N, C-alpha and C. Protein backbone atom coordinates (compact mmCIF):
# COMPACT_ATOMS: atom_id res chain seq x y z
N MET A 1 -13.85 9.66 5.74
CA MET A 1 -12.49 8.04 5.99
C MET A 1 -12.32 7.00 6.86
N THR A 2 -12.66 6.00 6.53
CA THR A 2 -12.71 4.73 7.52
C THR A 2 -11.04 3.98 7.10
N SER A 3 -10.71 3.94 8.51
CA SER A 3 -9.03 2.96 7.93
C SER A 3 -9.49 1.53 7.92
N VAL A 4 -8.44 1.27 7.37
CA VAL A 4 -8.88 -0.53 6.59
C VAL A 4 -8.24 -1.17 7.87
N PHE A 5 -8.40 -2.26 8.72
CA PHE A 5 -7.57 -3.51 9.74
C PHE A 5 -8.17 -4.70 9.06
N ALA A 6 -6.99 -5.08 8.30
CA ALA A 6 -7.23 -6.41 8.01
C ALA A 6 -6.13 -7.72 7.58
N VAL A 7 -6.65 -8.93 8.26
CA VAL A 7 -5.59 -9.60 7.94
C VAL A 7 -5.33 -10.48 6.86
N LEU A 8 -4.46 -11.18 6.85
CA LEU A 8 -4.48 -11.42 5.90
C LEU A 8 -4.79 -13.06 5.24
N ASP A 9 -5.23 -14.09 4.14
CA ASP A 9 -6.34 -14.93 4.34
C ASP A 9 -5.31 -15.85 4.56
N ASP A 10 -4.11 -15.95 4.42
CA ASP A 10 -3.34 -17.69 4.46
C ASP A 10 -2.76 -17.09 5.73
N GLN A 11 -2.75 -16.17 6.57
CA GLN A 11 -2.74 -16.47 8.21
C GLN A 11 -2.86 -17.08 8.60
N GLU A 12 -2.30 -18.06 9.60
CA GLU A 12 -2.88 -18.50 10.32
C GLU A 12 -3.66 -18.62 11.41
N ASP A 13 -4.66 -17.18 11.30
CA ASP A 13 -5.14 -16.93 12.67
C ASP A 13 -5.82 -17.97 13.25
N ALA A 14 -6.11 -19.19 12.69
CA ALA A 14 -6.86 -20.52 13.69
C ALA A 14 -5.99 -21.03 15.44
N SER A 15 -5.10 -20.24 14.60
CA SER A 15 -4.07 -20.78 15.94
C SER A 15 -4.58 -19.42 16.89
N GLY A 16 -5.46 -18.98 17.30
CA GLY A 16 -5.88 -17.62 18.12
C GLY A 16 -4.66 -16.32 17.72
N ALA A 17 -3.94 -16.22 16.92
CA ALA A 17 -3.15 -14.83 17.37
C ALA A 17 -3.97 -13.52 17.58
N PHE A 18 -3.76 -12.77 18.35
CA PHE A 18 -4.02 -11.59 18.88
C PHE A 18 -3.18 -9.99 18.36
N HIS A 19 -3.63 -9.79 17.28
CA HIS A 19 -2.08 -9.06 16.87
C HIS A 19 -2.57 -7.11 17.77
N LEU A 20 -1.45 -7.60 17.77
CA LEU A 20 -1.40 -5.60 18.94
C LEU A 20 -0.94 -3.96 18.42
N PRO A 21 -0.99 -2.79 18.79
CA PRO A 21 0.33 -2.43 18.04
C PRO A 21 1.55 -2.28 18.11
N VAL A 22 2.33 -2.40 17.04
CA VAL A 22 3.29 -1.58 17.32
C VAL A 22 3.49 -0.28 16.92
N PHE A 23 4.48 0.33 16.98
CA PHE A 23 4.72 1.98 16.82
C PHE A 23 5.77 1.99 16.44
N GLY A 24 6.02 2.93 15.68
CA GLY A 24 7.12 2.78 14.00
C GLY A 24 6.81 3.34 13.07
N LEU A 25 5.72 3.52 12.10
CA LEU A 25 5.34 4.41 11.14
C LEU A 25 5.71 5.55 11.18
N TYR A 26 5.92 6.26 10.74
CA TYR A 26 5.72 7.83 10.68
C TYR A 26 5.64 8.54 9.02
N ALA A 27 4.87 9.37 9.35
CA ALA A 27 4.79 10.12 7.28
C ALA A 27 4.55 11.34 7.58
N ASP A 28 5.30 11.99 6.89
CA ASP A 28 5.35 13.65 6.54
C ASP A 28 3.51 13.80 5.48
N VAL A 29 2.57 14.03 5.90
CA VAL A 29 1.37 13.81 5.23
C VAL A 29 1.03 15.30 4.46
N GLU A 30 1.92 16.42 4.64
CA GLU A 30 2.22 17.43 3.56
C GLU A 30 3.54 17.23 2.23
N MET A 31 4.25 16.31 3.04
CA MET A 31 5.49 16.02 1.59
C MET A 31 5.27 15.24 1.36
N GLY A 32 4.11 13.63 2.13
CA GLY A 32 4.30 12.77 1.18
C GLY A 32 5.31 11.51 1.31
N GLN A 33 5.96 11.42 2.67
CA GLN A 33 7.16 11.10 2.89
C GLN A 33 7.43 10.46 4.20
N GLY A 34 7.47 8.97 4.26
CA GLY A 34 7.34 8.26 5.06
C GLY A 34 8.57 7.43 5.44
N SER A 35 8.56 7.12 6.46
CA SER A 35 10.02 6.54 7.31
C SER A 35 9.62 5.59 8.75
N VAL A 36 10.46 4.71 8.64
CA VAL A 36 10.21 3.18 9.46
C VAL A 36 11.21 3.69 10.77
N CYS A 37 10.54 3.26 12.21
CA CYS A 37 11.73 3.65 13.26
C CYS A 37 11.22 2.56 13.90
N LEU A 38 11.70 1.06 13.63
CA LEU A 38 11.02 -0.02 14.86
C LEU A 38 11.41 0.62 16.10
N PRO A 39 10.13 0.19 17.50
CA PRO A 39 10.77 -0.09 18.39
C PRO A 39 11.64 -0.70 19.26
N ASP A 40 12.65 -1.02 20.01
CA ASP A 40 13.48 -1.77 20.58
C ASP A 40 12.34 -2.82 21.07
N ASP A 41 11.62 -2.81 21.91
CA ASP A 41 10.99 -3.89 22.09
C ASP A 41 10.26 -5.64 20.40
N PHE A 42 10.36 -4.54 19.46
CA PHE A 42 10.72 -5.59 18.66
C PHE A 42 11.92 -5.67 17.86
N LEU A 43 12.74 -5.53 17.68
CA LEU A 43 14.51 -5.81 17.26
C LEU A 43 14.76 -6.25 18.37
N GLY A 44 14.19 -6.56 19.60
CA GLY A 44 15.04 -7.39 20.85
C GLY A 44 14.09 -8.77 20.43
N LEU A 45 12.94 -9.13 19.73
CA LEU A 45 13.10 -10.46 19.22
C LEU A 45 13.34 -11.65 18.25
N GLU A 46 13.20 -12.55 18.33
CA GLU A 46 14.17 -12.98 17.59
C GLU A 46 14.07 -12.56 16.27
N ALA A 47 15.73 -13.04 15.36
CA ALA A 47 15.12 -12.66 13.51
C ALA A 47 14.55 -13.78 13.19
N ALA A 48 14.05 -14.97 13.53
CA ALA A 48 12.91 -15.22 12.89
C ALA A 48 11.77 -14.49 13.23
N MET A 49 11.56 -14.11 14.53
CA MET A 49 10.06 -13.70 14.39
C MET A 49 10.07 -12.17 13.54
N GLN A 50 11.01 -11.60 13.79
CA GLN A 50 11.53 -10.24 12.98
C GLN A 50 10.95 -10.08 11.77
N ALA A 51 11.87 -11.37 10.86
CA ALA A 51 11.42 -11.40 9.64
C ALA A 51 9.78 -12.09 9.34
N ALA A 52 9.20 -13.27 10.00
CA ALA A 52 7.98 -13.21 9.98
C ALA A 52 6.72 -12.38 9.98
N ILE A 53 7.25 -11.51 10.79
CA ILE A 53 6.22 -10.25 10.97
C ILE A 53 6.48 -9.18 9.97
N LEU A 54 7.92 -8.78 9.74
CA LEU A 54 7.65 -8.34 8.51
C LEU A 54 7.12 -8.55 7.24
N GLN A 55 7.38 -9.34 6.88
CA GLN A 55 6.43 -9.87 5.88
C GLN A 55 4.99 -9.66 5.83
N ASP A 56 4.83 -9.84 7.07
CA ASP A 56 3.49 -10.30 6.69
C ASP A 56 2.91 -9.17 6.79
N TRP A 57 4.13 -7.98 7.41
CA TRP A 57 3.42 -6.18 7.13
C TRP A 57 3.32 -6.01 6.15
N GLN A 58 5.23 -6.10 5.30
CA GLN A 58 5.72 -5.72 4.15
C GLN A 58 4.05 -5.99 2.59
N ARG A 59 3.46 -7.46 3.32
CA ARG A 59 2.63 -7.74 1.85
C ARG A 59 0.94 -6.77 2.45
N ALA A 60 1.00 -6.68 3.53
CA ALA A 60 -0.38 -5.84 4.43
C ALA A 60 0.12 -4.80 3.31
N LEU A 61 1.04 -3.71 4.01
CA LEU A 61 1.51 -2.42 2.77
C LEU A 61 1.23 -2.75 1.65
N GLU A 62 2.08 -3.40 1.05
CA GLU A 62 1.55 -3.70 -0.81
C GLU A 62 0.37 -3.80 -1.32
N ALA A 63 -0.24 -4.32 -0.53
CA ALA A 63 -1.45 -4.41 -0.53
C ALA A 63 -2.55 -2.87 -0.52
N ALA A 64 -1.82 -2.42 0.42
CA ALA A 64 -2.88 -0.81 1.15
C ALA A 64 -2.61 -0.01 -0.22
N ARG A 65 -0.79 -0.32 -1.07
CA ARG A 65 -0.06 0.62 -1.84
C ARG A 65 -1.17 0.44 -3.22
N ARG A 66 -1.34 -0.98 -3.55
CA ARG A 66 -1.72 -0.84 -4.34
C ARG A 66 -3.55 -0.30 -5.05
N ARG A 67 -4.43 -0.88 -3.49
CA ARG A 67 -5.43 0.48 -3.43
C ARG A 67 -5.13 2.13 -3.90
N ALA A 68 -4.21 2.35 -3.01
CA ALA A 68 -4.02 3.95 -3.34
C ALA A 68 -3.97 3.97 -4.55
N LEU A 69 -2.80 3.24 -5.18
CA LEU A 69 -2.87 3.39 -7.44
C LEU A 69 -3.76 3.13 -8.04
N MET A 70 -4.99 2.18 -7.39
CA MET A 70 -5.95 2.13 -7.75
C MET A 70 -7.07 3.90 -7.76
N LYS A 71 -7.32 3.80 -6.11
CA LYS A 71 -7.74 5.40 -6.12
C LYS A 71 -7.21 6.45 -7.12
N MET A 72 -5.99 6.21 -7.55
CA MET A 72 -4.98 7.41 -7.91
C MET A 72 -5.24 7.51 -9.30
N PHE A 73 -5.32 6.46 -9.86
CA PHE A 73 -5.42 5.72 -11.30
C PHE A 73 -7.03 6.22 -11.82
N ALA A 74 -7.88 6.04 -11.06
CA ALA A 74 -9.35 6.41 -10.81
C ALA A 74 -10.00 7.88 -10.85
N ASP A 75 -8.95 8.53 -9.62
CA ASP A 75 -8.77 10.29 -9.53
C ASP A 75 -8.42 10.62 -11.31
N VAL A 76 -6.84 9.86 -11.76
CA VAL A 76 -6.73 10.67 -12.28
C VAL A 76 -8.29 10.53 -13.73
N SER A 77 -8.15 9.03 -14.00
CA SER A 77 -9.41 8.72 -15.18
C SER A 77 -10.65 10.29 -15.27
N ALA A 78 -10.77 10.43 -13.53
CA ALA A 78 -12.02 11.37 -13.70
C ALA A 78 -11.89 12.61 -14.76
N THR A 79 -10.35 13.37 -14.74
CA THR A 79 -9.78 14.22 -15.26
C THR A 79 -10.37 13.60 -16.59
N MET A 80 -10.64 12.50 -16.63
CA MET A 80 -9.80 12.46 -18.86
C MET A 80 -11.45 11.97 -19.10
N PRO A 81 -12.51 12.74 -19.01
CA PRO A 81 -13.92 11.36 -20.08
C PRO A 81 -13.51 11.23 -21.07
N GLY A 82 -14.09 10.21 -21.14
CA GLY A 82 -14.08 9.54 -22.31
C GLY A 82 -12.73 9.24 -23.52
N GLU A 83 -11.18 10.04 -22.27
CA GLU A 83 -10.56 9.23 -23.34
C GLU A 83 -10.34 7.95 -23.34
N SER A 84 -8.94 7.53 -24.14
CA SER A 84 -9.45 5.97 -24.05
C SER A 84 -8.15 5.39 -22.86
N LEU A 85 -8.66 3.93 -22.22
CA LEU A 85 -7.94 3.16 -20.92
C LEU A 85 -6.35 3.52 -21.52
N GLN A 86 -5.63 3.50 -22.69
CA GLN A 86 -4.11 3.67 -23.05
C GLN A 86 -3.71 5.15 -23.21
N VAL A 87 -4.51 6.14 -23.06
CA VAL A 87 -4.34 7.14 -22.51
C VAL A 87 -4.77 7.23 -21.20
N ARG A 88 -5.13 7.39 -20.51
CA ARG A 88 -5.44 7.60 -19.16
C ARG A 88 -3.91 6.92 -18.28
N TRP A 89 -3.65 5.96 -18.34
CA TRP A 89 -3.34 5.18 -17.86
C TRP A 89 -1.70 5.95 -18.16
N HIS A 90 -1.38 6.37 -19.53
CA HIS A 90 -0.24 6.77 -19.58
C HIS A 90 -0.31 7.93 -18.71
N ARG A 91 -1.23 8.68 -18.93
CA ARG A 91 -0.99 9.42 -17.22
C ARG A 91 -0.87 9.42 -16.46
N MET A 92 -1.27 8.61 -15.89
CA MET A 92 -1.32 7.53 -14.84
C MET A 92 0.30 7.56 -14.21
N ARG A 93 1.06 7.06 -15.76
CA ARG A 93 2.15 7.39 -14.63
C ARG A 93 3.22 8.15 -15.34
N GLN A 94 2.67 9.34 -15.74
CA GLN A 94 3.50 10.28 -15.75
C GLN A 94 3.12 11.22 -14.81
N GLU A 95 2.37 11.27 -14.00
CA GLU A 95 2.11 10.97 -12.77
C GLU A 95 2.57 10.53 -11.42
N CYS A 96 2.41 9.52 -11.63
CA CYS A 96 3.68 8.70 -10.50
C CYS A 96 5.22 9.38 -10.80
N THR A 97 5.58 8.94 -12.00
CA THR A 97 7.06 10.04 -12.07
C THR A 97 7.22 10.61 -11.63
N ARG A 98 6.03 12.17 -11.53
CA ARG A 98 6.21 13.44 -11.49
C ARG A 98 6.28 13.03 -9.74
N LEU A 99 5.16 12.67 -9.42
CA LEU A 99 5.63 12.45 -7.88
C LEU A 99 6.68 11.71 -7.05
N GLY A 100 7.51 11.01 -7.62
CA GLY A 100 8.62 10.19 -7.69
C GLY A 100 7.95 8.62 -7.12
N VAL A 101 6.78 8.31 -7.27
CA VAL A 101 5.79 7.04 -6.68
C VAL A 101 5.99 6.03 -7.45
N GLU A 102 6.20 4.84 -7.39
CA GLU A 102 6.79 3.75 -7.89
C GLU A 102 5.52 3.18 -8.47
N CYS A 103 5.50 3.22 -10.14
CA CYS A 103 4.15 2.76 -10.84
C CYS A 103 4.52 1.66 -11.36
N PRO A 104 3.33 0.13 -11.22
CA PRO A 104 3.79 -1.16 -11.37
C PRO A 104 3.39 -0.93 -12.80
N ALA A 105 4.42 -1.18 -13.98
CA ALA A 105 4.58 -2.17 -15.27
C ALA A 105 2.82 -2.19 -15.83
N GLU A 106 2.13 -2.48 -15.08
CA GLU A 106 0.56 -3.13 -14.92
C GLU A 106 -0.84 -2.82 -13.92
N LEU A 107 -1.35 -2.36 -13.70
CA LEU A 107 -1.85 -1.69 -12.84
C LEU A 107 -3.83 -2.60 -12.86
N PRO A 108 -3.98 -3.46 -12.10
CA PRO A 108 -5.32 -4.62 -12.58
C PRO A 108 -6.20 -2.92 -12.94
N VAL A 109 -7.29 -2.74 -13.39
CA VAL A 109 -8.35 -1.77 -13.44
C VAL A 109 -9.49 -2.31 -12.72
N PRO A 110 -10.21 -1.86 -12.20
CA PRO A 110 -11.64 -2.79 -12.32
C PRO A 110 -12.24 -2.28 -13.52
N MET A 111 -13.42 -3.06 -13.71
CA MET A 111 -14.15 -2.33 -14.97
C MET A 111 -15.06 -1.06 -14.83
N SER A 112 -15.25 -0.89 -13.08
CA SER A 112 -15.76 0.58 -13.76
C SER A 112 -15.34 2.07 -13.37
N VAL A 113 -14.01 0.89 -13.50
CA VAL A 113 -13.02 2.42 -14.27
C VAL A 113 -12.55 2.88 -15.96
N SER A 114 -13.21 2.21 -16.39
CA SER A 114 -12.10 1.39 -17.93
C SER A 114 -13.03 1.80 -19.12
């Protein structure tokens, strides 16, 4: 498995932005829980700069979350060959509820799993 590092398409990277790591994301991979503790260097930035960076991070994290949900749906679907999309989606929502994962009302499903 490889890590995905991508800059959002609509960012103004032509300005020569050079992204550096900012530590502060923590996860308990056994419990499936995460937390954020941003360092003082980040918290010392101007509020407008913090807001802009946090907005970009939220959008990138949301894209990663949606990819994870799509993979989760594919995994659920693989256990139910021959079932309708509606039945598989219902099972996905049950699994999200069981895990305490926020499940969108609609999930874009690639044609390969429909």
